[in-house]
Every structure is written in structure tokens, then in C-alpha cells.
Amino acid sequence: MTVQQAGYHLGVDEGEAYDFLSTLSIMKARGDATGGALAVVEMRLPAGFSPPPHVHANEDEAFYLLSGQVDAQVGDQRVHAEQGGFLWLPRGVQHGFVVVGDGPCTILTLTTPAGFDSFVAEVGTRTTTVELPEPRQPDVPRLVEIAGRYGIEFPPPPGA
């Protein structure tokens, strides 16, 4: 995609799809389509999915839960969010979450400026399916190395 001066439309299940850490991540707005202003990724997550607590140095992040529920850490706060819930995760604030309940969970992830979308694309693998991928262990050294290039760090959680 390139910068879309006139806008564009994507329907259900449309957009570049990636197997990203055993989740299905569908790009709804890439940075190259928004002039770098915004990235929007629909993330379909299996029950129990939990990225390690992390910090973004380069972008603010927001989660809008389309379905399911998560228990989240936002800085020193612990919160529970479910369908219709919203989380604001400013850059520099450590956060993480776990998908709770029966799962799966679908989160609309918005980042400003764009950049997280490129991280998902580099770590993930393009897929043509819109099904959740089979779970597998991530290549942690590769993940940490790529994350560092995008200003994402994995410090110990508060109180650890």
C-alpha cells in the first residue's frame, strides 16, 4: 500500500494477514497508507495468549476489545477489560496482558505514529488464512533483536 490521499475501505477479513507469535494479525492501516501517522492491526488471540510485559519507546498504543477479555498490566495498574473495553498505553509505560476466559479475543490495536505494523510484519509470516495459527514457541533471541530495532524493550515487570 502507498499513501492513500482519497482514503480506502477494507471489509471483514481484508488486509495483509500475518501469523504473528501464534496469533492472527490483520493489517487494516499500514504506516505507508497513512503517511506514517497511524497503524491499525486487528489481532485475533487464542485463550491464554500473553506477550511479555514490554515498553514502546516510539509510539503510543491503544487497544479496543472487539470480543473476549484480558487481564492487563498498565504501568503499576492491574485491570480487567472485556468486549467494548478500551486501554490506553502511552509510550514509555510498561504493559502486558493475558487473554482470559474461554477465548479467543479480538483486539483492534491502534498505534501512533505507525511502526508497530512493520514490527508485526517483520516478526510474523504472511498467511492467506484467517484462522488462528497453531501455537508454537517463538524464537526469543530473534524477537528481542527485532524488537530493539523498533524501540520495544522487555524490562522486568514492576515489583519483580
Protein backbone atom coordinates (compact mmCIF):
# COMPACT_ATOMS: atom_id res chain seq x y z
CA MET A 1 0.00 0.00 0.00
CA THR A 2 1.06 3.59 -0.53
CA VAL A 3 -0.27 6.80 0.99
CA GLN A 4 -3.97 6.92 0.20
CA GLN A 5 -4.92 10.56 -0.39
CA ALA A 6 -8.56 9.68 -1.13
CA GLY A 7 -8.93 7.07 1.63
CA TYR A 8 -9.77 3.40 1.20
CA HIS A 9 -12.03 0.66 2.51
CA LEU A 10 -11.29 -2.84 3.78
CA GLY A 11 -14.03 -5.32 4.58
CA VAL A 12 -14.21 -8.10 7.14
CA ASP A 13 -11.09 -10.30 6.98
CA GLU A 14 -9.45 -7.98 4.41
CA GLY A 15 -5.91 -6.65 4.79
CA GLU A 16 -2.46 -8.24 4.91
CA ALA A 17 -2.68 -11.18 7.31
CA TYR A 18 0.24 -12.42 9.43
CA ASP A 19 0.91 -15.31 11.76
CA PHE A 20 2.46 -13.14 14.48
CA LEU A 21 3.61 -15.07 17.55
CA SER A 22 0.86 -17.68 17.03
CA THR A 23 -1.84 -15.01 16.63
CA LEU A 24 -3.64 -13.85 13.50
CA SER A 25 -2.84 -10.20 12.85
CA ILE A 26 -4.63 -8.42 10.00
CA MET A 27 -3.28 -5.05 8.87
CA LYS A 28 -6.12 -2.59 8.49
CA ALA A 29 -3.93 0.52 8.15
CA ARG A 30 -0.19 0.36 7.48
CA GLY A 31 2.07 3.33 8.00
CA ASP A 32 2.74 3.59 4.28
CA ALA A 33 -1.02 4.12 3.73
CA THR A 34 -1.34 6.81 6.43
CA GLY A 35 1.80 8.83 5.84
CA GLY A 36 3.24 7.22 8.97
CA ALA A 37 0.62 8.83 11.19
CA LEU A 38 -1.21 5.70 12.34
CA ALA A 39 -1.21 1.92 12.18
CA VAL A 40 -4.27 -0.26 12.86
CA VAL A 41 -3.92 -4.02 13.34
CA GLU A 42 -6.79 -6.39 14.12
CA MET A 43 -5.30 -9.06 16.38
CA ARG A 44 -7.09 -12.38 16.94
CA LEU A 45 -5.59 -14.02 20.01
CA PRO A 46 -6.08 -17.52 21.44
CA ALA A 47 -7.07 -18.15 25.05
CA GLY A 48 -4.03 -17.85 27.31
CA PHE A 49 -2.02 -15.70 24.88
CA SER A 50 0.26 -13.37 26.80
CA PRO A 51 3.04 -11.24 25.33
CA PRO A 52 5.80 -10.48 27.83
CA PRO A 53 5.49 -7.12 29.58
CA HIS A 54 7.10 -4.55 27.30
CA VAL A 55 7.61 -0.85 26.64
CA HIS A 56 7.28 1.03 23.35
CA ALA A 57 9.67 3.97 23.03
CA ASN A 58 8.41 5.17 19.65
CA GLU A 59 4.62 5.01 19.65
CA ASP A 60 1.53 5.30 21.80
CA GLU A 61 -0.74 2.27 21.67
CA ALA A 62 -4.46 1.76 22.21
CA PHE A 63 -6.47 -1.45 22.44
CA TYR A 64 -10.20 -1.68 21.73
CA LEU A 65 -11.57 -5.13 22.57
CA LEU A 66 -13.91 -6.33 19.84
CA SER A 67 -14.51 -9.65 21.63
CA GLY A 68 -13.19 -11.67 24.55
CA GLN A 69 -11.45 -10.42 27.67
CA VAL A 70 -7.98 -9.72 29.01
CA ASP A 71 -6.32 -9.10 32.33
CA ALA A 72 -3.78 -6.35 31.74
CA GLN A 73 -0.91 -4.61 33.42
CA VAL A 74 -0.61 -0.92 32.55
CA GLY A 75 2.33 0.53 34.45
CA ASP A 76 1.59 -0.25 38.11
CA GLN A 77 -2.14 -0.83 37.48
CA ARG A 78 -3.86 -4.17 37.01
CA VAL A 79 -7.08 -4.01 35.03
CA HIS A 80 -9.67 -6.35 33.53
CA ALA A 81 -11.10 -5.44 30.12
CA GLU A 82 -13.77 -7.18 28.09
CA GLN A 83 -15.70 -6.67 24.85
CA GLY A 84 -16.17 -2.95 24.31
CA GLY A 85 -13.35 -2.11 26.71
CA PHE A 86 -10.53 0.30 25.85
CA LEU A 87 -6.93 0.51 27.06
CA TRP A 88 -4.64 3.50 26.50
CA LEU A 89 -0.95 2.57 26.62
CA PRO A 90 1.26 5.64 26.24
CA ARG A 91 4.82 5.23 25.02
CA GLY A 92 7.24 4.67 27.85
CA VAL A 93 4.65 2.87 30.04
CA GLN A 94 5.27 -0.83 30.56
CA HIS A 95 2.28 -3.02 29.73
CA GLY A 96 1.29 -6.60 29.09
CA PHE A 97 -1.83 -8.74 29.17
CA VAL A 98 -3.18 -12.27 29.15
CA VAL A 99 -6.28 -13.45 27.27
CA VAL A 100 -8.58 -14.87 29.95
CA GLY A 101 -11.78 -16.87 29.86
CA ASP A 102 -12.57 -19.30 27.10
CA GLY A 103 -11.00 -17.09 24.42
CA PRO A 104 -10.31 -16.27 21.74
CA CYS A 105 -10.07 -12.50 21.96
CA THR A 106 -10.02 -9.93 19.17
CA ILE A 107 -8.31 -6.60 19.79
CA LEU A 108 -8.13 -3.62 17.47
CA THR A 109 -4.63 -2.25 18.10
CA LEU A 110 -4.00 1.36 17.12
CA THR A 111 -0.54 2.91 17.28
CA THR A 112 0.55 6.44 16.61
CA PRO A 113 2.76 7.08 14.88
CA ALA A 114 2.91 3.94 12.76
CA GLY A 115 5.75 1.47 13.29
CA PHE A 116 4.21 -1.41 15.20
CA ASP A 117 2.74 -2.63 11.91
CA SER A 118 6.25 -3.03 10.46
CA PHE A 119 7.35 -4.90 13.59
CA VAL A 120 4.43 -7.33 13.19
CA ALA A 121 5.29 -7.82 9.51
CA GLU A 122 8.99 -8.45 10.21
CA VAL A 123 8.44 -10.85 13.10
CA GLY A 124 5.43 -12.56 11.55
CA THR A 125 4.86 -14.68 8.49
CA ARG A 126 2.35 -13.75 5.77
CA THR A 127 -0.65 -16.06 5.65
CA THR A 128 -3.66 -16.42 3.38
CA THR A 129 -5.89 -17.93 6.04
CA VAL A 130 -7.98 -16.06 8.58
CA GLU A 131 -7.81 -18.89 11.10
CA LEU A 132 -5.77 -18.80 14.29
CA PRO A 133 -2.41 -20.47 13.65
CA GLU A 134 -1.20 -23.49 15.57
CA PRO A 135 0.63 -22.44 18.75
CA ARG A 136 4.41 -22.76 18.78
CA GLN A 137 7.31 -21.38 20.78
CA PRO A 138 8.71 -18.08 19.49
CA ASP A 139 12.36 -17.59 18.55
CA VAL A 140 13.03 -15.35 21.57
CA PRO A 141 16.53 -14.11 20.57
CA ARG A 142 15.19 -13.14 17.11
CA LEU A 143 12.14 -11.46 18.68
CA VAL A 144 14.26 -9.42 21.11
CA GLU A 145 16.70 -8.40 18.36
CA ILE A 146 13.93 -7.22 16.00
CA ALA A 147 12.02 -5.53 18.85
CA GLY A 148 15.10 -3.49 19.71
CA ARG A 149 15.16 -2.04 16.20
CA TYR A 150 11.58 -0.83 16.74
CA GLY A 151 12.19 0.69 20.18
CA ILE A 152 10.45 -2.15 22.05
CA GLU A 153 12.08 -3.42 25.24
CA PHE A 154 11.20 -6.21 27.68
CA PRO A 155 12.20 -5.00 31.17
CA PRO A 156 11.18 -6.93 34.30
CA PRO A 157 7.59 -6.13 35.34
CA PRO A 158 7.04 -3.64 38.20
CA GLY A 159 7.65 -5.27 41.55
CA ALA A 160 9.67 -8.15 40.06
